Amino acid sequence: MIRRSTALVAALFTGLATATVPIAAQAAEAPSACAPRLSASVNEALTERFGTYGDTAGRWTGADSAYSVPLPDGSTAWIYSDTFLGEVDANGGRPLDSPFIHNSIIVDDGGTLTTYTGGTASAPESLAKVAGADESQQWYWFGDATVEGDALQVMLLEFVKTGSGVFDFKFVGNAVASFDVADMSLTSITELPESAVNWGSAIYEDPEDGYTYVFGVEDLQAQKFAHLSRVPTGSLTTADWEYFAAGEWQGDPNASTSILEGVSNEFSVSRFQGRFTLVTGDATEALSAKIVMYRGDDIAGPYTGKTVLYETPETGGNIFTYNAKAHPNLGDDDRLLVTYNVNSFEGDDLYADAHIYRPRYIDVEF
């Protein structure tokens, strides 16, 4: 299984059909009378906004990951990992010399989009880079993020290249990047304790108990397990973290134990309709088209009632989809906005059609 794209394998955002697609709720356990009734449809506003921007702005032409974080001024920061920059040509493709970086941010201020990268406009670089490293060999991908004071805190996952193949890379560490919310300039990178878990798959701030909960993934390729940690809210980089281990909170990151099997490397956890709601791509199936939801009464689970929210129509042939998540800040009491990434196993596809490497935006109505 693949975490996400590299320079030759990225993800997409095309204009999807706008008709509502009813999706029957499907539970992993026996059918229940309380299974939710839902339907899913393309969010036309975001699809049009980012599609037009990618095609015409001459700046950002697509990216994957796509976490969203509300900023203090009311705008929204979209957090991306692998990113194509430059222009889309007259045929809707990307020039072969299109700039490619490993992380970026777009701020959506009332429909006006601004892309932030490192480097310069003519020579863009990733916003966060591993100090002293050749970025073709060692880089950061972004995880989920939160705002503390005037800083946007973004989880970092460090990877190194292990061979010449597109998927020859491995995870080596976690960190937190701090950005000034005024201009998205990088102010610091804080290393986290060594751990086998990819921390930053999802972040949930609990207003009742005063903790920020950070979810992570133990990625065993064919199997992926969700883990849970916490830190007092407002102190992501300054306080000691605790890790959920078989029902107890411990200070040793290597003691962390799984709370759910079958999540993708990126997912979301939010409080929705009175319960903790985890939305993820279905990693219990290889290259699954299913986006599923689990629910629980406690932040640590158990998460049960597996329900299919949507099946991605792009999946098949060279195309696969991944890293679905909900964005509670952009939904409401009866609707979850869900994004997912699309990719091709054929790198040439991503240059022939720029619309292949952009997130999708789906409204799931309950």
Protein backbone atom coordinates (compact mmCIF):
# COMPACT_ATOMS: atom_id res chain seq x y z
CA MET A 1 0.00 0.00 0.00
CA ILE A 2 1.13 3.53 -0.77
CA ARG A 3 1.17 6.43 1.61
CA ARG A 4 0.86 9.14 -1.06
CA SER A 5 2.46 10.36 -4.26
CA THR A 6 6.04 11.13 -5.16
CA ALA A 7 7.34 13.25 -8.04
CA LEU A 8 6.13 10.77 -10.63
CA VAL A 9 2.97 9.66 -8.82
CA ALA A 10 0.71 12.47 -7.58
CA ALA A 11 -3.11 13.06 -7.19
CA LEU A 12 -6.08 14.76 -8.93
CA PHE A 13 -9.09 17.10 -8.94
CA THR A 14 -11.35 16.93 -11.98
CA GLY A 15 -14.86 18.23 -12.47
CA LEU A 16 -17.06 15.46 -11.10
CA ALA A 17 -20.66 14.84 -12.00
CA THR A 18 -22.92 17.13 -10.00
CA ALA A 19 -25.86 14.79 -9.57
CA THR A 20 -26.55 13.60 -6.03
CA VAL A 21 -25.45 10.00 -5.54
CA PRO A 22 -27.42 8.11 -2.88
CA ILE A 23 -25.16 5.79 -0.92
CA ALA A 24 -26.77 3.09 1.18
CA ALA A 25 -25.35 2.84 4.69
CA GLN A 26 -23.38 -0.37 5.05
CA ALA A 27 -22.30 -1.51 8.50
CA ALA A 28 -19.47 -3.90 9.28
CA GLU A 29 -21.58 -5.46 12.01
CA ALA A 30 -25.13 -6.76 11.69
CA PRO A 31 -27.60 -4.20 10.21
CA SER A 32 -29.01 -1.85 12.82
CA ALA A 33 -32.23 0.12 12.98
CA CYS A 34 -30.15 3.17 13.93
CA ALA A 35 -27.84 2.99 10.87
CA PRO A 36 -27.73 6.50 9.35
CA ARG A 37 -29.61 7.43 6.20
CA LEU A 38 -27.33 9.50 4.01
CA SER A 39 -26.58 10.71 0.51
CA ALA A 40 -23.45 12.11 -1.08
CA SER A 41 -22.90 14.70 -3.82
CA VAL A 42 -20.06 16.77 -5.22
CA ASN A 43 -19.48 20.09 -3.47
CA GLU A 44 -19.72 22.30 -6.54
CA ALA A 45 -18.47 25.52 -4.93
CA LEU A 46 -15.11 24.12 -3.81
CA THR A 47 -14.71 22.01 -6.95
CA GLU A 48 -15.18 25.11 -9.12
CA ARG A 49 -13.05 27.37 -6.89
CA PHE A 50 -9.97 25.16 -6.82
CA GLY A 51 -10.46 23.91 -10.37
CA THR A 52 -10.49 27.43 -11.80
CA TYR A 53 -7.57 28.49 -9.62
CA GLY A 54 -5.50 25.48 -10.67
CA ASP A 55 -6.22 26.04 -14.35
CA THR A 56 -5.78 29.81 -14.54
CA ALA A 57 -3.73 31.24 -11.65
CA GLY A 58 -0.35 30.16 -12.99
CA ARG A 59 0.76 29.19 -9.49
CA TRP A 60 -0.68 25.96 -8.05
CA THR A 61 -1.88 23.20 -10.37
CA GLY A 62 -2.58 20.45 -7.85
CA ALA A 63 -1.57 18.72 -4.63
CA ASP A 64 -2.52 15.90 -2.30
CA SER A 65 -3.24 15.53 1.41
CA ALA A 66 -5.65 18.51 1.85
CA TYR A 67 -6.18 19.13 5.55
CA SER A 68 -8.09 22.32 6.40
CA VAL A 69 -7.67 24.54 9.45
CA PRO A 70 -9.69 27.68 10.36
CA LEU A 71 -7.42 30.68 10.97
CA PRO A 72 -8.08 33.46 13.52
CA ASP A 73 -9.12 35.97 10.82
CA GLY A 74 -11.86 33.68 9.51
CA SER A 75 -9.94 32.37 6.50
CA THR A 76 -9.06 28.71 5.98
CA ALA A 77 -5.59 27.23 5.56
CA TRP A 78 -5.45 24.20 3.26
CA ILE A 79 -2.47 22.03 4.15
CA TYR A 80 -0.90 20.06 1.28
CA SER A 81 1.91 17.60 0.81
CA ASP A 82 3.25 16.79 -2.70
CA THR A 83 2.44 19.83 -4.85
CA PHE A 84 2.70 20.74 -8.53
CA LEU A 85 3.24 24.42 -9.33
CA GLY A 86 3.43 26.43 -12.53
CA GLU A 87 0.89 26.73 -15.32
CA VAL A 88 -1.56 24.48 -17.11
CA ASP A 89 -1.00 24.42 -20.86
CA ALA A 90 -3.56 24.95 -23.61
CA ASN A 91 -4.28 21.20 -23.72
CA GLY A 92 -5.02 20.98 -20.00
CA GLY A 93 -1.71 19.34 -19.19
CA ARG A 94 1.38 20.15 -17.14
CA PRO A 95 4.70 21.02 -18.80
CA LEU A 96 7.33 18.39 -18.00
CA ASP A 97 9.42 21.05 -16.24
CA SER A 98 6.59 22.02 -13.84
CA PRO A 99 7.99 22.78 -10.36
CA PHE A 100 7.30 20.02 -7.83
CA ILE A 101 7.68 20.38 -4.05
CA HIS A 102 6.81 18.22 -1.04
CA ASN A 103 4.60 20.61 0.96
CA SER A 104 2.67 23.86 0.57
CA ILE A 105 -0.29 25.83 1.96
CA ILE A 106 -3.17 27.65 0.27
CA VAL A 107 -5.13 30.21 2.28
CA ASP A 108 -8.77 30.61 1.22
CA ASP A 109 -9.95 34.05 2.28
CA GLY A 110 -13.60 34.33 1.30
CA GLY A 111 -12.97 32.61 -2.03
CA THR A 112 -9.67 34.36 -2.79
CA LEU A 113 -6.87 31.78 -2.89
CA THR A 114 -3.21 32.47 -2.12
CA THR A 115 -0.48 29.83 -2.42
CA TYR A 116 2.43 29.82 0.04
CA THR A 117 5.70 28.00 -0.62
CA GLY A 118 9.33 28.40 0.31
CA GLY A 119 11.98 29.72 -2.03
CA THR A 120 10.93 32.35 -4.58
CA ALA A 121 8.17 32.62 -7.17
CA SER A 122 10.63 31.69 -9.92
CA ALA A 123 12.35 28.96 -7.88
CA PRO A 124 9.78 27.63 -5.36
CA GLU A 125 10.75 25.22 -2.62
CA SER A 126 8.89 23.29 0.06
CA LEU A 127 7.71 25.38 3.01
CA ALA A 128 9.39 23.01 5.47
CA LYS A 129 12.61 21.20 4.56
CA VAL A 130 14.88 18.80 6.44
CA ALA A 131 17.93 20.83 7.46
CA GLY A 132 20.98 20.09 5.33
CA ALA A 133 19.23 17.39 3.29
CA ASP A 134 18.86 16.94 -0.46
CA GLU A 135 15.08 17.13 -0.83
CA SER A 136 15.10 14.55 -3.59
CA GLN A 137 16.41 12.10 -0.97
CA GLN A 138 14.87 13.31 2.32
CA TRP A 139 11.77 15.42 2.88
CA TYR A 140 8.77 16.31 5.06
CA TRP A 141 5.17 15.58 4.24
CA PHE A 142 2.51 17.51 6.14
CA GLY A 143 0.03 15.98 8.57
CA ASP A 144 -2.93 17.64 10.27
CA ALA A 145 -2.57 21.08 11.87
CA THR A 146 -3.96 23.38 14.55
CA VAL A 147 -3.63 27.02 15.59
CA GLU A 148 -1.98 28.01 18.88
CA GLY A 149 -1.95 31.77 19.44
CA ASP A 150 -0.47 33.39 16.34
CA ALA A 151 1.15 30.15 15.13
CA LEU A 152 -0.15 27.51 12.74
CA GLN A 153 1.28 24.24 14.04
CA VAL A 154 1.61 21.60 11.33
CA MET A 155 2.60 18.00 12.00
CA LEU A 156 5.61 16.87 9.96
CA LEU A 157 6.42 13.34 8.82
CA GLU A 158 9.98 12.81 7.66
CA PHE A 159 10.79 10.34 4.88
CA VAL A 160 13.98 9.20 3.16
CA LYS A 161 14.54 7.64 -0.24
CA THR A 162 15.68 4.01 -0.04
CA GLY A 163 16.14 3.14 -3.72
CA SER A 164 15.53 4.20 -7.29
CA GLY A 165 11.89 3.12 -7.51
CA VAL A 166 8.96 5.52 -7.23
CA PHE A 167 7.81 3.88 -3.99
CA ASP A 168 11.24 3.27 -2.48
CA PHE A 169 11.01 5.46 0.63
CA LYS A 170 10.49 4.98 4.37
CA PHE A 171 9.27 6.94 7.39
CA VAL A 172 12.00 8.02 9.82
CA GLY A 173 10.57 10.58 12.25
CA ASN A 174 8.01 13.12 13.48
CA ALA A 175 8.26 16.87 14.07
CA VAL A 176 6.08 19.99 14.32
CA ALA A 177 6.47 23.05 12.06
CA SER A 178 5.36 26.45 13.36
CA PHE A 179 4.20 29.07 10.85
CA ASP A 180 3.26 32.70 11.45
CA VAL A 181 -0.46 32.90 10.61
CA ALA A 182 0.03 36.40 9.16
CA ASP A 183 2.22 35.36 6.23
CA MET A 184 2.77 31.59 6.58
CA SER A 185 6.49 32.10 7.16
CA LEU A 186 8.24 29.20 8.91
CA THR A 187 9.38 30.17 12.41
CA SER A 188 10.60 26.85 13.83
CA ILE A 189 10.71 23.07 13.52
CA THR A 190 10.49 21.03 16.73
CA GLU A 191 11.56 17.39 16.67
CA LEU A 192 9.37 14.87 18.49
CA PRO A 193 10.52 11.73 20.35
CA GLU A 194 11.46 8.74 18.23
CA SER A 195 8.44 6.58 17.44
CA ALA A 196 7.40 3.96 14.91
CA VAL A 197 4.01 5.68 14.63
CA ASN A 198 3.38 8.36 11.97
CA TRP A 199 1.87 11.02 14.26
CA GLY A 200 -0.39 13.67 12.74
CA SER A 201 -2.97 11.64 10.82
CA ALA A 202 -5.70 13.64 12.60
CA ILE A 203 -5.96 16.25 15.36
CA TYR A 204 -8.92 16.80 17.67
CA GLU A 205 -9.03 19.58 20.26
CA ASP A 206 -11.38 18.79 23.12
CA PRO A 207 -12.89 21.96 24.63
CA GLU A 208 -14.08 20.06 27.70
CA ASP A 209 -10.95 18.35 29.01
CA GLY A 210 -8.33 20.81 27.76
CA TYR A 211 -6.35 18.33 25.66
CA THR A 212 -5.30 18.30 22.03
CA TYR A 213 -5.49 14.72 20.77
CA VAL A 214 -3.12 13.68 17.99
CA PHE A 215 -3.86 10.48 16.09
CA GLY A 216 -1.23 8.51 14.24
CA VAL A 217 -0.81 5.44 12.08
CA GLU A 218 1.28 2.35 12.58
CA ASP A 219 1.85 1.58 8.91
CA LEU A 220 2.59 -2.08 8.25
CA GLN A 221 1.74 -1.65 4.56
CA ALA A 222 -0.90 -4.38 4.25
CA GLN A 223 -2.24 -3.45 7.69
CA LYS A 224 -2.64 0.03 9.17
CA PHE A 225 -3.51 0.72 12.80
CA ALA A 226 -4.68 3.98 14.39
CA HIS A 227 -2.92 5.16 17.57
CA LEU A 228 -3.73 8.03 19.95
CA SER A 229 -1.71 10.57 21.91
CA ARG A 230 -2.53 13.79 23.77
CA VAL A 231 -0.94 17.00 25.01
CA PRO A 232 -2.42 19.95 26.94
CA THR A 233 -4.06 22.32 24.45
CA GLY A 234 -1.81 25.19 23.46
CA SER A 235 1.43 23.33 24.17
CA LEU A 236 1.96 21.02 21.20
CA THR A 237 5.69 21.76 21.14
CA THR A 238 6.31 22.68 24.77
CA ALA A 239 4.67 20.00 26.96
CA ASP A 240 5.31 16.28 27.30
CA TRP A 241 3.01 14.07 25.25
CA GLU A 242 1.08 11.10 26.64
CA TYR A 243 0.29 7.97 24.65
CA PHE A 244 -2.76 5.72 24.91
CA ALA A 245 -1.60 2.24 25.81
CA ALA A 246 -4.14 -0.51 26.47
CA GLY A 247 -6.52 1.79 28.33
CA GLU A 248 -3.94 3.92 30.13
CA TRP A 249 -2.01 7.09 29.35
CA GLN A 250 1.77 6.64 29.44
CA GLY A 251 4.77 8.84 28.70
CA ASP A 252 6.58 6.31 26.51
CA PRO A 253 5.73 6.69 22.79
CA ASN A 254 6.84 3.11 22.17
CA ALA A 255 4.17 1.85 24.59
CA SER A 256 1.33 3.13 22.38
CA THR A 257 -1.19 0.50 21.30
CA SER A 258 -3.69 0.35 18.46
CA ILE A 259 -7.27 1.64 18.85
CA LEU A 260 -8.55 0.68 15.36
CA GLU A 261 -7.38 -1.35 12.39
CA GLY A 262 -8.06 -0.40 8.77
CA VAL A 263 -7.47 3.35 8.62
CA SER A 264 -5.61 5.19 5.88
CA ASN A 265 -2.49 7.22 6.67
CA GLU A 266 -4.62 10.36 6.79
CA PHE A 267 -8.11 10.50 8.27
CA SER A 268 -10.24 12.75 10.47
CA VAL A 269 -11.82 12.62 13.91
CA SER A 270 -14.52 15.09 14.93
CA ARG A 271 -17.49 15.41 17.26
CA PHE A 272 -20.46 15.00 14.90
CA GLN A 273 -24.08 14.59 15.94
CA GLY A 274 -23.05 13.84 19.51
CA ARG A 275 -20.46 11.13 18.86
CA PHE A 276 -16.80 10.91 17.95
CA THR A 277 -16.74 10.29 14.21
CA LEU A 278 -13.76 8.90 12.34
CA VAL A 279 -13.76 9.21 8.53
CA THR A 280 -11.15 7.34 6.49
CA GLY A 281 -10.46 5.51 3.29
CA ASP A 282 -11.13 1.81 3.84
CA ALA A 283 -7.69 0.30 4.33
CA THR A 284 -9.10 -3.15 5.06
CA GLU A 285 -9.24 -3.60 1.27
CA ALA A 286 -6.33 -3.11 -1.13
CA LEU A 287 -6.79 0.08 -3.18
CA SER A 288 -10.38 0.38 -1.97
CA ALA A 289 -12.79 2.88 -3.52
CA LYS A 290 -14.76 3.09 -0.26
CA ILE A 291 -14.80 6.03 2.13
CA VAL A 292 -16.07 4.83 5.49
CA MET A 293 -17.11 6.18 8.87
CA TYR A 294 -16.72 4.72 12.35
CA ARG A 295 -18.26 6.14 15.54
CA GLY A 296 -17.49 5.97 19.22
CA ASP A 297 -18.58 7.45 22.55
CA ASP A 298 -15.02 8.06 23.75
CA ILE A 299 -12.06 9.67 21.99
CA ALA A 300 -10.12 6.43 22.40
CA GLY A 301 -12.98 4.28 21.06
CA PRO A 302 -14.01 1.65 20.56
CA TYR A 303 -14.92 2.83 17.07
CA THR A 304 -17.63 0.65 15.55
CA GLY A 305 -20.56 0.72 13.12
CA LYS A 306 -18.45 0.86 9.96
CA THR A 307 -20.56 2.72 7.39
CA VAL A 308 -19.81 3.40 3.73
CA LEU A 309 -20.21 7.12 2.99
CA TYR A 310 -19.11 7.17 -0.65
CA GLU A 311 -17.44 5.07 -3.33
CA THR A 312 -14.97 7.00 -5.45
CA PRO A 313 -15.93 6.79 -9.15
CA GLU A 314 -12.35 7.36 -10.36
CA THR A 315 -10.96 4.12 -8.93
CA GLY A 316 -9.95 1.55 -11.55
CA GLY A 317 -7.27 0.86 -14.13
CA ASN A 318 -4.26 3.05 -13.37
CA ILE A 319 -6.25 5.33 -11.05
CA PHE A 320 -6.51 4.90 -7.30
CA THR A 321 -7.90 7.07 -4.49
CA TYR A 322 -6.63 7.57 -0.95
CA ASN A 323 -6.52 9.55 2.33
CA ALA A 324 -10.18 10.54 2.67
CA LYS A 325 -11.06 12.80 5.59
CA ALA A 326 -13.87 15.04 6.85
CA HIS A 327 -13.60 18.78 7.49
CA PRO A 328 -16.01 19.61 10.34
CA ASN A 329 -15.09 23.30 10.17
CA LEU A 330 -16.60 23.41 6.67
CA GLY A 331 -19.71 21.33 7.33
CA ASP A 332 -22.73 21.75 9.61
CA ASP A 333 -24.92 19.75 12.01
CA ASP A 334 -26.25 17.49 9.25
CA ARG A 335 -23.46 17.58 6.67
CA LEU A 336 -19.85 16.46 6.51
CA LEU A 337 -17.56 17.91 3.86
CA VAL A 338 -15.22 15.08 2.83
CA THR A 339 -12.12 15.28 0.63
CA TYR A 340 -10.04 12.55 -0.93
CA ASN A 341 -7.01 12.33 -3.21
CA VAL A 342 -6.75 10.66 -6.61
CA ASN A 343 -3.62 9.26 -8.20
CA SER A 344 -2.30 7.29 -11.15
CA PHE A 345 0.25 4.53 -11.26
CA GLU A 346 1.37 6.01 -14.60
CA GLY A 347 3.35 9.16 -13.91
CA ASP A 348 2.83 10.41 -17.47
CA ASP A 349 -0.92 10.69 -16.76
CA LEU A 350 -0.27 13.47 -14.26
CA TYR A 351 1.44 15.59 -16.89
CA ALA A 352 -0.96 14.78 -19.73
CA ASP A 353 -3.97 15.84 -17.63
CA ALA A 354 -3.44 18.41 -14.87
CA HIS A 355 -6.91 17.67 -13.50
CA ILE A 356 -5.66 14.32 -12.24
CA TYR A 357 -3.74 15.74 -9.30
CA ARG A 358 -6.23 17.73 -7.28
CA PRO A 359 -8.40 16.85 -4.27
CA ARG A 360 -12.10 16.00 -4.60
CA TYR A 361 -14.78 17.64 -2.44
CA ILE A 362 -17.90 15.71 -1.41
CA ASP A 363 -20.88 16.68 0.76
CA VAL A 364 -22.31 13.79 2.79
CA GLU A 365 -25.82 14.67 4.05
CA PHE A 366 -27.25 12.83 7.05
